[in-house]
Each structure stands twice: as structure tokens, then as C-alpha cells.
Amino acid sequence: MMKNLSALDWVAVVLVIIGGLNWGLVGIFSFDLVATIFGVMSVISQIIYILVGLSALYLIFTVGKFARK
């Protein structure tokens, strides 16, 4: 199954995992790791948040690829 994933698929998965972990930290500890590293709503933080959101949308529309053997 993992052989069927493109580089874009991997980037999207990694970004969604990063976003999920960040939201978990926000929910449990009120700690935003992305904002801590890159600054609160800095340009880089905003780019990361946008890329995570776009990755989630990409995965919504390509989730069938992960189910195929």
C-alpha cells in the first residue's frame, strides 16, 4: 500500500499529522507549538496553517487511494 503513495501524498500526510499534533497540544495544554516556534500569526505560521488545511482538503479527496491494495 505504501508504494502507491506519491511525494505529494506523503507531504500531505506529514502536514496533517503535524496539524493534528498541534491541535492536540492546543486542546490539552493550550500550547500552540507552531506559534511558539515561528511566532504568533507570523507569515511562516500562517503559511504552515494554510498548508495543513490544504493538505487536509487534499486527503479528503484522495482518501480512496489509501484504501486500495
C-alpha atoms as a PDB file:
ATOM      1  CA  MET A   1       0.000   0.000   0.000  1.00  0.00           C
ATOM      2  CA  MET A   2       2.747   2.487   0.889  1.00  0.00           C
ATOM      3  CA  LYS A   3       4.294   2.042  -2.572  1.00  0.00           C
ATOM      4  CA  ASN A   4       1.201   3.641  -4.117  1.00  0.00           C
ATOM      5  CA  LEU A   5       1.738   6.968  -2.352  1.00  0.00           C
ATOM      6  CA  SER A   6       3.225   9.858  -4.295  1.00  0.00           C
ATOM      7  CA  ALA A   7       5.514  12.502  -2.828  1.00  0.00           C
ATOM      8  CA  LEU A   8       2.506  14.842  -2.609  1.00  0.00           C
ATOM      9  CA  ASP A   9       0.585  12.196  -0.654  1.00  0.00           C
ATOM     10  CA  TRP A  10       3.450  11.886   1.838  1.00  0.00           C
ATOM     11  CA  VAL A  11       3.769  15.644   2.253  1.00  0.00           C
ATOM     12  CA  ALA A  12       0.019  15.914   2.858  1.00  0.00           C
ATOM     13  CA  VAL A  13       0.071  13.088   5.415  1.00  0.00           C
ATOM     14  CA  VAL A  14       3.024  14.599   7.298  1.00  0.00           C
ATOM     15  CA  LEU A  15       1.446  18.057   7.361  1.00  0.00           C
ATOM     16  CA  VAL A  16      -1.892  16.698   8.597  1.00  0.00           C
ATOM     17  CA  ILE A  17      -0.090  14.753  11.336  1.00  0.00           C
ATOM     18  CA  ILE A  18       1.769  17.918  12.362  1.00  0.00           C
ATOM     19  CA  GLY A  19      -1.528  19.825  12.390  1.00  0.00           C
ATOM     20  CA  GLY A  20      -3.253  17.116  14.393  1.00  0.00           C
ATOM     21  CA  LEU A  21      -0.488  17.019  16.985  1.00  0.00           C
ATOM     22  CA  ASN A  22      -0.519  20.809  17.214  1.00  0.00           C
ATOM     23  CA  TRP A  23      -4.293  20.850  17.763  1.00  0.00           C
ATOM     24  CA  GLY A  24      -3.911  18.131  20.387  1.00  0.00           C
ATOM     25  CA  LEU A  25      -1.391  20.297  22.233  1.00  0.00           C
ATOM     26  CA  VAL A  26      -3.719  23.293  21.958  1.00  0.00           C
ATOM     27  CA  GLY A  27      -6.665  21.294  23.272  1.00  0.00           C
ATOM     28  CA  ILE A  28      -4.869  19.598  26.145  1.00  0.00           C
ATOM     29  CA  PHE A  29      -2.304  22.174  27.236  1.00  0.00           C
ATOM     30  CA  SER A  30      -3.364  25.425  25.487  1.00  0.00           C
ATOM     31  CA  PHE A  31       0.074  25.313  23.851  1.00  0.00           C
ATOM     32  CA  ASP A  32       0.414  26.180  20.155  1.00  0.00           C
ATOM     33  CA  LEU A  33       3.739  24.672  19.045  1.00  0.00           C
ATOM     34  CA  VAL A  34       3.690  26.274  15.588  1.00  0.00           C
ATOM     35  CA  ALA A  35       3.127  29.732  17.084  1.00  0.00           C
ATOM     36  CA  THR A  36       5.814  29.093  19.694  1.00  0.00           C
ATOM     37  CA  ILE A  37       8.400  28.124  17.077  1.00  0.00           C
ATOM     38  CA  PHE A  38       7.550  30.615  14.328  1.00  0.00           C
ATOM     39  CA  GLY A  39       5.717  33.423  16.146  1.00  0.00           C
ATOM     40  CA  VAL A  40       2.048  34.099  16.745  1.00  0.00           C
ATOM     41  CA  MET A  41       0.434  34.559  13.321  1.00  0.00           C
ATOM     42  CA  SER A  42       3.750  35.339  11.663  1.00  0.00           C
ATOM     43  CA  VAL A  43       3.904  34.883   7.909  1.00  0.00           C
ATOM     44  CA  ILE A  44       5.587  31.488   8.338  1.00  0.00           C
ATOM     45  CA  SER A  45       2.950  30.363  10.868  1.00  0.00           C
ATOM     46  CA  GLN A  46       0.176  31.417   8.522  1.00  0.00           C
ATOM     47  CA  ILE A  47       1.804  29.525   5.644  1.00  0.00           C
ATOM     48  CA  ILE A  48       2.068  26.396   7.794  1.00  0.00           C
ATOM     49  CA  TYR A  49      -1.583  26.669   8.868  1.00  0.00           C
ATOM     50  CA  ILE A  50      -2.660  27.159   5.234  1.00  0.00           C
ATOM     51  CA  LEU A  51      -0.573  24.189   4.049  1.00  0.00           C
ATOM     52  CA  VAL A  52      -2.014  21.971   6.796  1.00  0.00           C
ATOM     53  CA  GLY A  53      -5.547  22.992   5.778  1.00  0.00           C
ATOM     54  CA  LEU A  54      -4.864  22.408   2.092  1.00  0.00           C
ATOM     55  CA  SER A  55      -3.317  19.039   2.934  1.00  0.00           C
ATOM     56  CA  ALA A  56      -6.445  18.046   4.836  1.00  0.00           C
ATOM     57  CA  LEU A  57      -8.608  19.018   1.850  1.00  0.00           C
ATOM     58  CA  TYR A  58      -6.309  17.074  -0.481  1.00  0.00           C
ATOM     59  CA  LEU A  59      -6.566  13.989   1.730  1.00  0.00           C
ATOM     60  CA  ILE A  60     -10.364  14.268   1.899  1.00  0.00           C
ATOM     61  CA  PHE A  61     -10.500  13.961  -1.879  1.00  0.00           C
ATOM     62  CA  THR A  62      -7.812  11.281  -2.199  1.00  0.00           C
ATOM     63  CA  VAL A  63      -8.586   9.055   0.799  1.00  0.00           C
ATOM     64  CA  GLY A  64      -9.697   6.283  -1.571  1.00  0.00           C
ATOM     65  CA  LYS A  65      -6.091   5.877  -2.676  1.00  0.00           C
ATOM     66  CA  PHE A  66      -5.172   4.754   0.852  1.00  0.00           C
ATOM     67  CA  ALA A  67      -7.842   2.050   0.877  1.00  0.00           C
ATOM     68  CA  ARG A  68      -6.615   0.389  -2.322  1.00  0.00           C
ATOM     69  CA  LYS A  69      -4.230  -2.537  -2.130  1.00  0.00           C
END
